[in-house]
Amino acid sequence: MSSWFLRAFGRGICGHFLFPYNKKFWQYPLEEMTSEWARAWVPVPSLRTVRRQAATGKDGDIGYNAVFWYPRRGGIQSVCDALARRLPRVRTGREAVRVDPDRREVVFGDGSRESFGTLVSTLPLPELGARLTRVPAQVRAAFKSLKHLSVTNINIGLRYRPAIDTHWVSFPQREMVFYRLVFPGNFFPSGVPRECFSVSCEISHLPQRSARNSDIARSLKDLRRLGWSLRRKDIAVAQAQEIPYAYCIYDRCRGPALKTIFSFLKRRGIHSIGRYGGWRYASMEDVMEEGRRVASQISPR
């Protein structure tokens, strides 16, 4: 991946931002990662565009998320709720603890069982692998070779509104614990009480490490270093939220492993899809489109 960055952006941008940011974020050797995700998701502006934006200080509409829609109320959950209302016979609250691909049967945590002709799974791929029975050694090894990154969000609610009008800011500096700050109230105003503000400090880490109380203290400390007023009376809430599966790592083992895994699953009528089921970097739009495509394959009209 590092060689692709150099070819696309040169030593200046790579040295000042792309290399330190991605080393901090991925916590994995960039030389051992492929550029597959970056080629699809990292926009490469022309030299003319870079010079113009550097001279004017104005951002351009570059990248897949330069412009996006967000629900006015209910958060992104409202999209899921709207889809669920149109689906009959939806049952939730049951965990699939075992999947027998030969018998084509799913066993749930409450002891109930369901047979399937075709199964669609959106479980993170390693979680599906852990629940599968009767798996050949080669396929089991492929599941175990998959690597991922976890993220801890430190969500902070403030009783005042700082003069910030952006949506998110990235931090390549290693001395800052977070790699990105996100300001949800700026694209979802109804989710924040009037005269208040919210900030989410995103901290990436390897899955062996879980969220710690020190992450909250460190995030508050680093925000103060940036000039934020964070007296005790200013903070309405500060809590840690862990995302165990946040980003799959595009190392050289990923491609061959997915080929082995998906070939095994396909022969047994199992579709593993979505950002985590497909073990890929994907937007919500991509995932919804994939779900629609798979649904049409299973139940063609």
Protein backbone atom coordinates (compact mmCIF):
# COMPACT_ATOMS: atom_id res chain seq x y z
CA MET A 1 0.00 0.00 0.00
CA SER A 2 2.84 2.42 0.77
CA SER A 3 4.16 2.20 -2.81
CA TRP A 4 0.70 3.06 -4.20
CA PHE A 5 0.49 6.10 -1.93
CA LEU A 6 3.88 7.29 -3.13
CA ARG A 7 2.97 6.90 -6.80
CA ALA A 8 -0.39 8.64 -6.35
CA PHE A 9 0.57 11.51 -3.99
CA GLY A 10 4.33 11.87 -3.82
CA ARG A 11 6.69 12.13 -0.87
CA GLY A 12 5.40 15.45 0.48
CA ILE A 13 1.77 14.50 1.14
CA CYS A 14 2.80 10.97 2.13
CA GLY A 15 5.41 12.18 4.60
CA HIS A 16 3.25 14.85 6.19
CA PHE A 17 -0.06 12.99 6.34
CA LEU A 18 -0.73 9.69 4.56
CA PHE A 19 2.10 7.65 6.08
CA PRO A 20 1.82 8.84 9.70
CA TYR A 21 -1.99 8.75 9.63
CA ASN A 22 -2.30 5.26 8.15
CA LYS A 23 0.44 3.83 10.38
CA LYS A 24 -1.36 5.25 13.38
CA PHE A 25 -4.76 4.09 12.19
CA TRP A 26 -4.02 0.56 10.90
CA GLN A 27 -1.29 -0.37 13.42
CA TYR A 28 -0.13 -2.82 10.79
CA PRO A 29 2.89 -2.60 8.43
CA LEU A 30 1.75 -0.68 5.35
CA GLU A 31 4.22 -2.65 3.23
CA GLU A 32 2.30 -5.83 4.04
CA MET A 33 -1.07 -4.37 3.05
CA THR A 34 -2.46 -4.31 -0.48
CA SER A 35 -3.74 -1.13 -2.11
CA GLU A 36 -7.09 -2.70 -3.05
CA TRP A 37 -9.13 -0.68 -0.54
CA ALA A 38 -7.17 2.53 -1.10
CA ARG A 39 -7.60 2.50 -4.89
CA ALA A 40 -11.36 2.32 -4.43
CA TRP A 41 -11.82 4.75 -1.52
CA VAL A 42 -8.96 7.26 -1.43
CA PRO A 43 -9.63 10.01 -3.99
CA VAL A 44 -6.64 11.06 -6.09
CA PRO A 45 -6.98 14.72 -7.11
CA SER A 46 -5.03 16.23 -9.98
CA LEU A 47 -1.95 18.33 -9.27
CA ARG A 48 -3.89 21.36 -10.47
CA THR A 49 -6.64 20.70 -7.93
CA VAL A 50 -4.13 20.25 -5.10
CA ARG A 51 -2.43 23.55 -5.93
CA ARG A 52 -5.74 25.42 -6.20
CA GLN A 53 -7.05 24.13 -2.88
CA ALA A 54 -3.72 24.78 -1.14
CA ALA A 55 -3.77 28.38 -2.42
CA THR A 56 -7.43 29.10 -1.61
CA GLY A 57 -7.90 26.97 1.51
CA LYS A 58 -11.24 25.78 0.13
CA ASP A 59 -12.27 22.16 0.01
CA GLY A 60 -13.47 20.64 -3.23
CA ASP A 61 -16.16 18.05 -3.80
CA ILE A 62 -13.71 15.17 -3.92
CA GLY A 63 -14.39 11.64 -2.70
CA TYR A 64 -17.41 9.44 -2.19
CA ASN A 65 -18.61 11.31 0.93
CA ALA A 66 -18.08 14.92 -0.13
CA VAL A 67 -21.89 15.15 -0.23
CA PHE A 68 -24.24 12.79 1.60
CA TRP A 69 -27.79 12.54 2.93
CA TYR A 70 -28.62 11.87 6.57
CA PRO A 71 -32.03 11.40 8.26
CA ARG A 72 -33.36 14.51 9.95
CA ARG A 73 -34.67 12.49 12.89
CA GLY A 74 -34.01 9.10 14.41
CA GLY A 75 -30.42 8.81 13.28
CA ILE A 76 -29.29 6.22 10.77
CA GLN A 77 -31.34 3.65 12.72
CA SER A 78 -34.43 5.20 11.11
CA VAL A 79 -33.31 3.75 7.77
CA CYS A 80 -33.17 0.25 9.26
CA ASP A 81 -36.54 0.73 10.94
CA ALA A 82 -38.13 1.88 7.69
CA LEU A 83 -36.85 -1.20 5.86
CA ALA A 84 -37.93 -3.53 8.66
CA ARG A 85 -41.51 -2.22 8.56
CA ARG A 86 -41.80 -3.49 5.00
CA LEU A 87 -40.59 -7.00 5.80
CA PRO A 88 -42.99 -9.68 7.06
CA ARG A 89 -42.11 -12.30 9.67
CA VAL A 90 -39.01 -10.59 11.01
CA ARG A 91 -37.84 -11.98 14.34
CA THR A 92 -34.97 -10.52 16.34
CA GLY A 93 -33.26 -11.17 19.64
CA ARG A 94 -32.05 -14.70 18.88
CA GLU A 95 -28.35 -15.47 18.53
CA ALA A 96 -27.20 -18.06 15.99
CA VAL A 97 -24.69 -20.14 17.95
CA ARG A 98 -24.11 -22.99 15.50
CA VAL A 99 -24.46 -23.45 11.75
CA ASP A 100 -24.32 -26.95 10.30
CA PRO A 101 -23.59 -26.47 6.58
CA ASP A 102 -24.07 -30.14 5.69
CA ARG A 103 -27.43 -30.53 7.41
CA ARG A 104 -28.27 -26.95 6.47
CA GLU A 105 -29.43 -26.12 9.94
CA VAL A 106 -29.00 -23.13 12.28
CA VAL A 107 -29.09 -23.62 16.06
CA PHE A 108 -29.99 -20.61 18.21
CA GLY A 109 -29.01 -19.70 21.74
CA ASP A 110 -32.48 -20.53 23.06
CA GLY A 111 -32.16 -24.09 21.74
CA SER A 112 -34.47 -23.62 18.74
CA ARG A 113 -33.45 -24.80 15.29
CA GLU A 114 -34.21 -23.66 11.76
CA SER A 115 -33.52 -25.52 8.54
CA PHE A 116 -32.48 -23.60 5.44
CA GLY A 117 -32.16 -24.15 1.74
CA THR A 118 -30.26 -20.88 1.34
CA LEU A 119 -28.74 -18.91 4.20
CA VAL A 120 -27.77 -15.23 4.13
CA SER A 121 -25.33 -14.25 6.88
CA THR A 122 -24.15 -10.76 7.80
CA LEU A 123 -22.10 -11.94 10.78
CA PRO A 124 -18.47 -10.82 10.75
CA LEU A 125 -16.79 -13.54 8.73
CA PRO A 126 -14.59 -14.85 11.61
CA GLU A 127 -17.75 -15.12 13.78
CA LEU A 128 -19.48 -17.18 11.10
CA GLY A 129 -16.39 -19.39 10.86
CA ALA A 130 -16.43 -19.97 14.63
CA ARG A 131 -20.07 -21.12 14.44
CA LEU A 132 -19.68 -23.46 11.46
CA THR A 133 -19.42 -27.20 12.07
CA ARG A 134 -17.80 -29.85 9.87
CA VAL A 135 -15.33 -27.44 8.28
CA PRO A 136 -12.25 -28.82 6.44
CA ALA A 137 -8.87 -27.87 7.89
CA GLN A 138 -7.94 -25.72 4.88
CA VAL A 139 -11.12 -23.66 5.22
CA ARG A 140 -10.72 -23.36 8.99
CA ALA A 141 -7.17 -22.07 8.47
CA ALA A 142 -8.48 -19.50 5.97
CA PHE A 143 -10.98 -18.19 8.53
CA LYS A 144 -8.26 -17.90 11.16
CA SER A 145 -5.96 -15.95 8.81
CA LEU A 146 -8.39 -13.02 8.56
CA LYS A 147 -7.25 -9.91 10.43
CA HIS A 148 -9.18 -6.86 11.55
CA LEU A 149 -9.02 -3.64 13.47
CA SER A 150 -11.21 -2.62 16.40
CA VAL A 151 -12.33 0.92 17.26
CA THR A 152 -13.28 2.51 20.56
CA ASN A 153 -15.49 5.60 20.33
CA ILE A 154 -15.28 8.02 23.24
CA ASN A 155 -18.62 9.83 22.99
CA ILE A 156 -18.70 13.17 24.78
CA GLY A 157 -21.71 15.45 25.25
CA LEU A 158 -21.04 19.10 26.06
CA ARG A 159 -23.29 21.73 27.63
CA TYR A 160 -22.06 24.42 25.23
CA ARG A 161 -21.54 24.77 21.49
CA PRO A 162 -17.97 25.41 20.30
CA ALA A 163 -17.47 27.27 17.01
CA ILE A 164 -17.00 24.16 14.87
CA ASP A 165 -18.85 23.76 11.57
CA THR A 166 -17.11 20.70 10.12
CA HIS A 167 -18.20 17.05 10.21
CA TRP A 168 -14.92 15.33 11.05
CA VAL A 169 -11.18 15.99 11.34
CA SER A 170 -8.34 13.46 11.05
CA PHE A 171 -5.23 13.51 13.27
CA PRO A 172 -1.98 11.89 12.08
CA GLN A 173 -0.08 13.03 15.19
CA ARG A 174 0.97 10.06 17.31
CA GLU A 175 0.74 12.12 20.49
CA MET A 176 -3.03 12.37 20.01
CA VAL A 177 -4.83 9.22 21.17
CA PHE A 178 -7.62 9.57 18.60
CA TYR A 179 -7.16 9.27 14.87
CA ARG A 180 -10.34 11.22 14.11
CA LEU A 181 -12.87 13.51 15.75
CA VAL A 182 -16.46 13.33 14.51
CA PHE A 183 -19.09 15.98 15.31
CA PRO A 184 -22.50 14.25 14.91
CA GLY A 185 -24.53 17.33 15.84
CA ASN A 186 -23.30 19.11 12.73
CA PHE A 187 -25.00 16.63 10.39
CA PHE A 188 -27.70 15.42 12.81
CA PRO A 189 -28.85 18.49 14.79
CA SER A 190 -32.00 16.85 16.18
CA GLY A 191 -29.83 14.25 17.94
CA VAL A 192 -28.27 16.85 20.22
CA PRO A 193 -30.13 18.99 22.79
CA ARG A 194 -30.34 22.69 21.96
CA GLU A 195 -27.30 24.69 23.07
CA CYS A 196 -25.34 21.45 23.47
CA PHE A 197 -22.72 19.71 21.33
CA SER A 198 -21.40 16.20 20.77
CA VAL A 199 -18.00 14.89 19.75
CA SER A 200 -16.89 11.32 19.13
CA CYS A 201 -13.18 10.55 19.61
CA GLU A 202 -12.28 7.50 17.50
CA ILE A 203 -9.41 5.33 18.72
CA SER A 204 -8.23 2.36 16.66
CA HIS A 205 -6.57 -0.64 18.25
CA LEU A 206 -5.86 -4.31 17.65
CA PRO A 207 -8.66 -6.66 18.74
CA GLN A 208 -6.64 -8.09 21.63
CA ARG A 209 -7.04 -4.76 23.43
CA SER A 210 -10.44 -3.68 24.73
CA ALA A 211 -11.79 -0.28 25.76
CA ARG A 212 -10.27 1.17 28.94
CA ASN A 213 -11.33 3.90 31.34
CA SER A 214 -8.05 5.64 30.57
CA ASP A 215 -9.28 6.17 26.99
CA ILE A 216 -11.85 8.67 28.26
CA ALA A 217 -9.31 10.54 30.39
CA ARG A 218 -6.77 10.56 27.55
CA SER A 219 -9.33 11.83 25.03
CA LEU A 220 -10.39 14.66 27.34
CA LYS A 221 -6.76 15.55 27.94
CA ASP A 222 -6.00 15.69 24.22
CA LEU A 223 -9.11 17.76 23.51
CA ARG A 224 -7.91 20.27 26.12
CA ARG A 225 -4.54 20.36 24.33
CA LEU A 226 -6.46 21.40 21.23
CA GLY A 227 -7.96 24.31 23.16
CA TRP A 228 -11.35 22.91 24.16
CA SER A 229 -12.97 24.15 27.36
CA LEU A 230 -13.70 20.96 29.28
CA ARG A 231 -14.41 21.92 32.84
CA ARG A 232 -16.40 19.40 34.83
CA LYS A 233 -19.55 21.48 34.51
CA ASP A 234 -19.10 21.57 30.70
CA ILE A 235 -19.31 17.77 30.31
CA ALA A 236 -22.81 16.27 30.32
CA VAL A 237 -21.70 12.73 29.47
CA ALA A 238 -18.53 10.85 28.52
CA GLN A 239 -18.72 7.17 27.68
CA ALA A 240 -16.77 4.52 25.77
CA GLN A 241 -18.37 2.43 23.02
CA GLU A 242 -16.39 -0.41 21.51
CA ILE A 243 -16.75 -1.69 17.95
CA PRO A 244 -14.99 -5.09 17.96
CA TYR A 245 -15.10 -5.46 14.17
CA ALA A 246 -14.52 -2.06 12.60
CA TYR A 247 -12.20 -2.50 9.61
CA CYS A 248 -10.90 -5.64 7.93
CA ILE A 249 -7.18 -5.51 7.18
CA TYR A 250 -6.29 -5.88 3.52
CA ASP A 251 -3.12 -7.91 3.92
CA ARG A 252 -1.79 -10.35 1.34
CA CYS A 253 -3.53 -13.30 2.99
CA ARG A 254 -7.00 -11.79 2.65
CA GLY A 255 -7.63 -12.44 -1.06
CA PRO A 256 -6.66 -16.15 -1.14
CA ALA A 257 -8.47 -16.74 2.19
CA LEU A 258 -11.73 -15.23 0.91
CA LYS A 259 -11.54 -17.29 -2.27
CA THR A 260 -11.26 -20.48 -0.21
CA ILE A 261 -13.99 -19.47 2.25
CA PHE A 262 -16.56 -18.24 -0.27
CA SER A 263 -16.07 -21.29 -2.48
CA PHE A 264 -16.83 -23.52 0.52
CA LEU A 265 -19.87 -21.48 1.55
CA LYS A 266 -21.32 -21.23 -1.96
CA ARG A 267 -21.40 -25.01 -2.37
CA ARG A 268 -23.51 -25.18 0.78
CA GLY A 269 -26.01 -22.47 -0.10
CA ILE A 270 -24.55 -19.82 2.25
CA HIS A 271 -24.22 -16.17 1.20
CA SER A 272 -21.95 -14.19 3.53
CA ILE A 273 -22.53 -10.55 2.63
CA GLY A 274 -22.18 -6.98 3.83
CA ARG A 275 -19.24 -5.01 5.12
CA TYR A 276 -18.30 -7.66 7.66
CA GLY A 277 -19.87 -10.75 6.11
CA GLY A 278 -18.12 -9.93 2.84
CA TRP A 279 -14.99 -8.86 4.73
CA ARG A 280 -14.47 -5.68 2.77
CA TYR A 281 -14.53 -1.93 3.08
CA ALA A 282 -18.04 -0.92 2.04
CA SER A 283 -20.45 1.98 2.47
CA MET A 284 -24.08 1.64 3.58
CA GLU A 285 -25.17 2.16 -0.01
CA ASP A 286 -22.95 -0.71 -1.16
CA VAL A 287 -24.33 -3.02 1.50
CA MET A 288 -27.97 -2.20 0.74
CA GLU A 289 -27.41 -2.73 -2.97
CA GLU A 290 -25.69 -6.06 -2.30
CA GLY A 291 -28.61 -7.15 -0.11
CA ARG A 292 -31.07 -6.30 -2.86
CA ARG A 293 -29.02 -8.17 -5.43
CA VAL A 294 -28.73 -11.31 -3.31
CA ALA A 295 -32.44 -11.16 -2.46
CA SER A 296 -33.32 -11.07 -6.17
CA GLN A 297 -31.08 -14.08 -6.79
CA ILE A 298 -32.75 -16.08 -4.04
CA SER A 299 -36.33 -15.05 -4.82
CA PRO A 300 -36.42 -13.87 -8.43
CA ARG A 301 -39.67 -12.24 -9.48
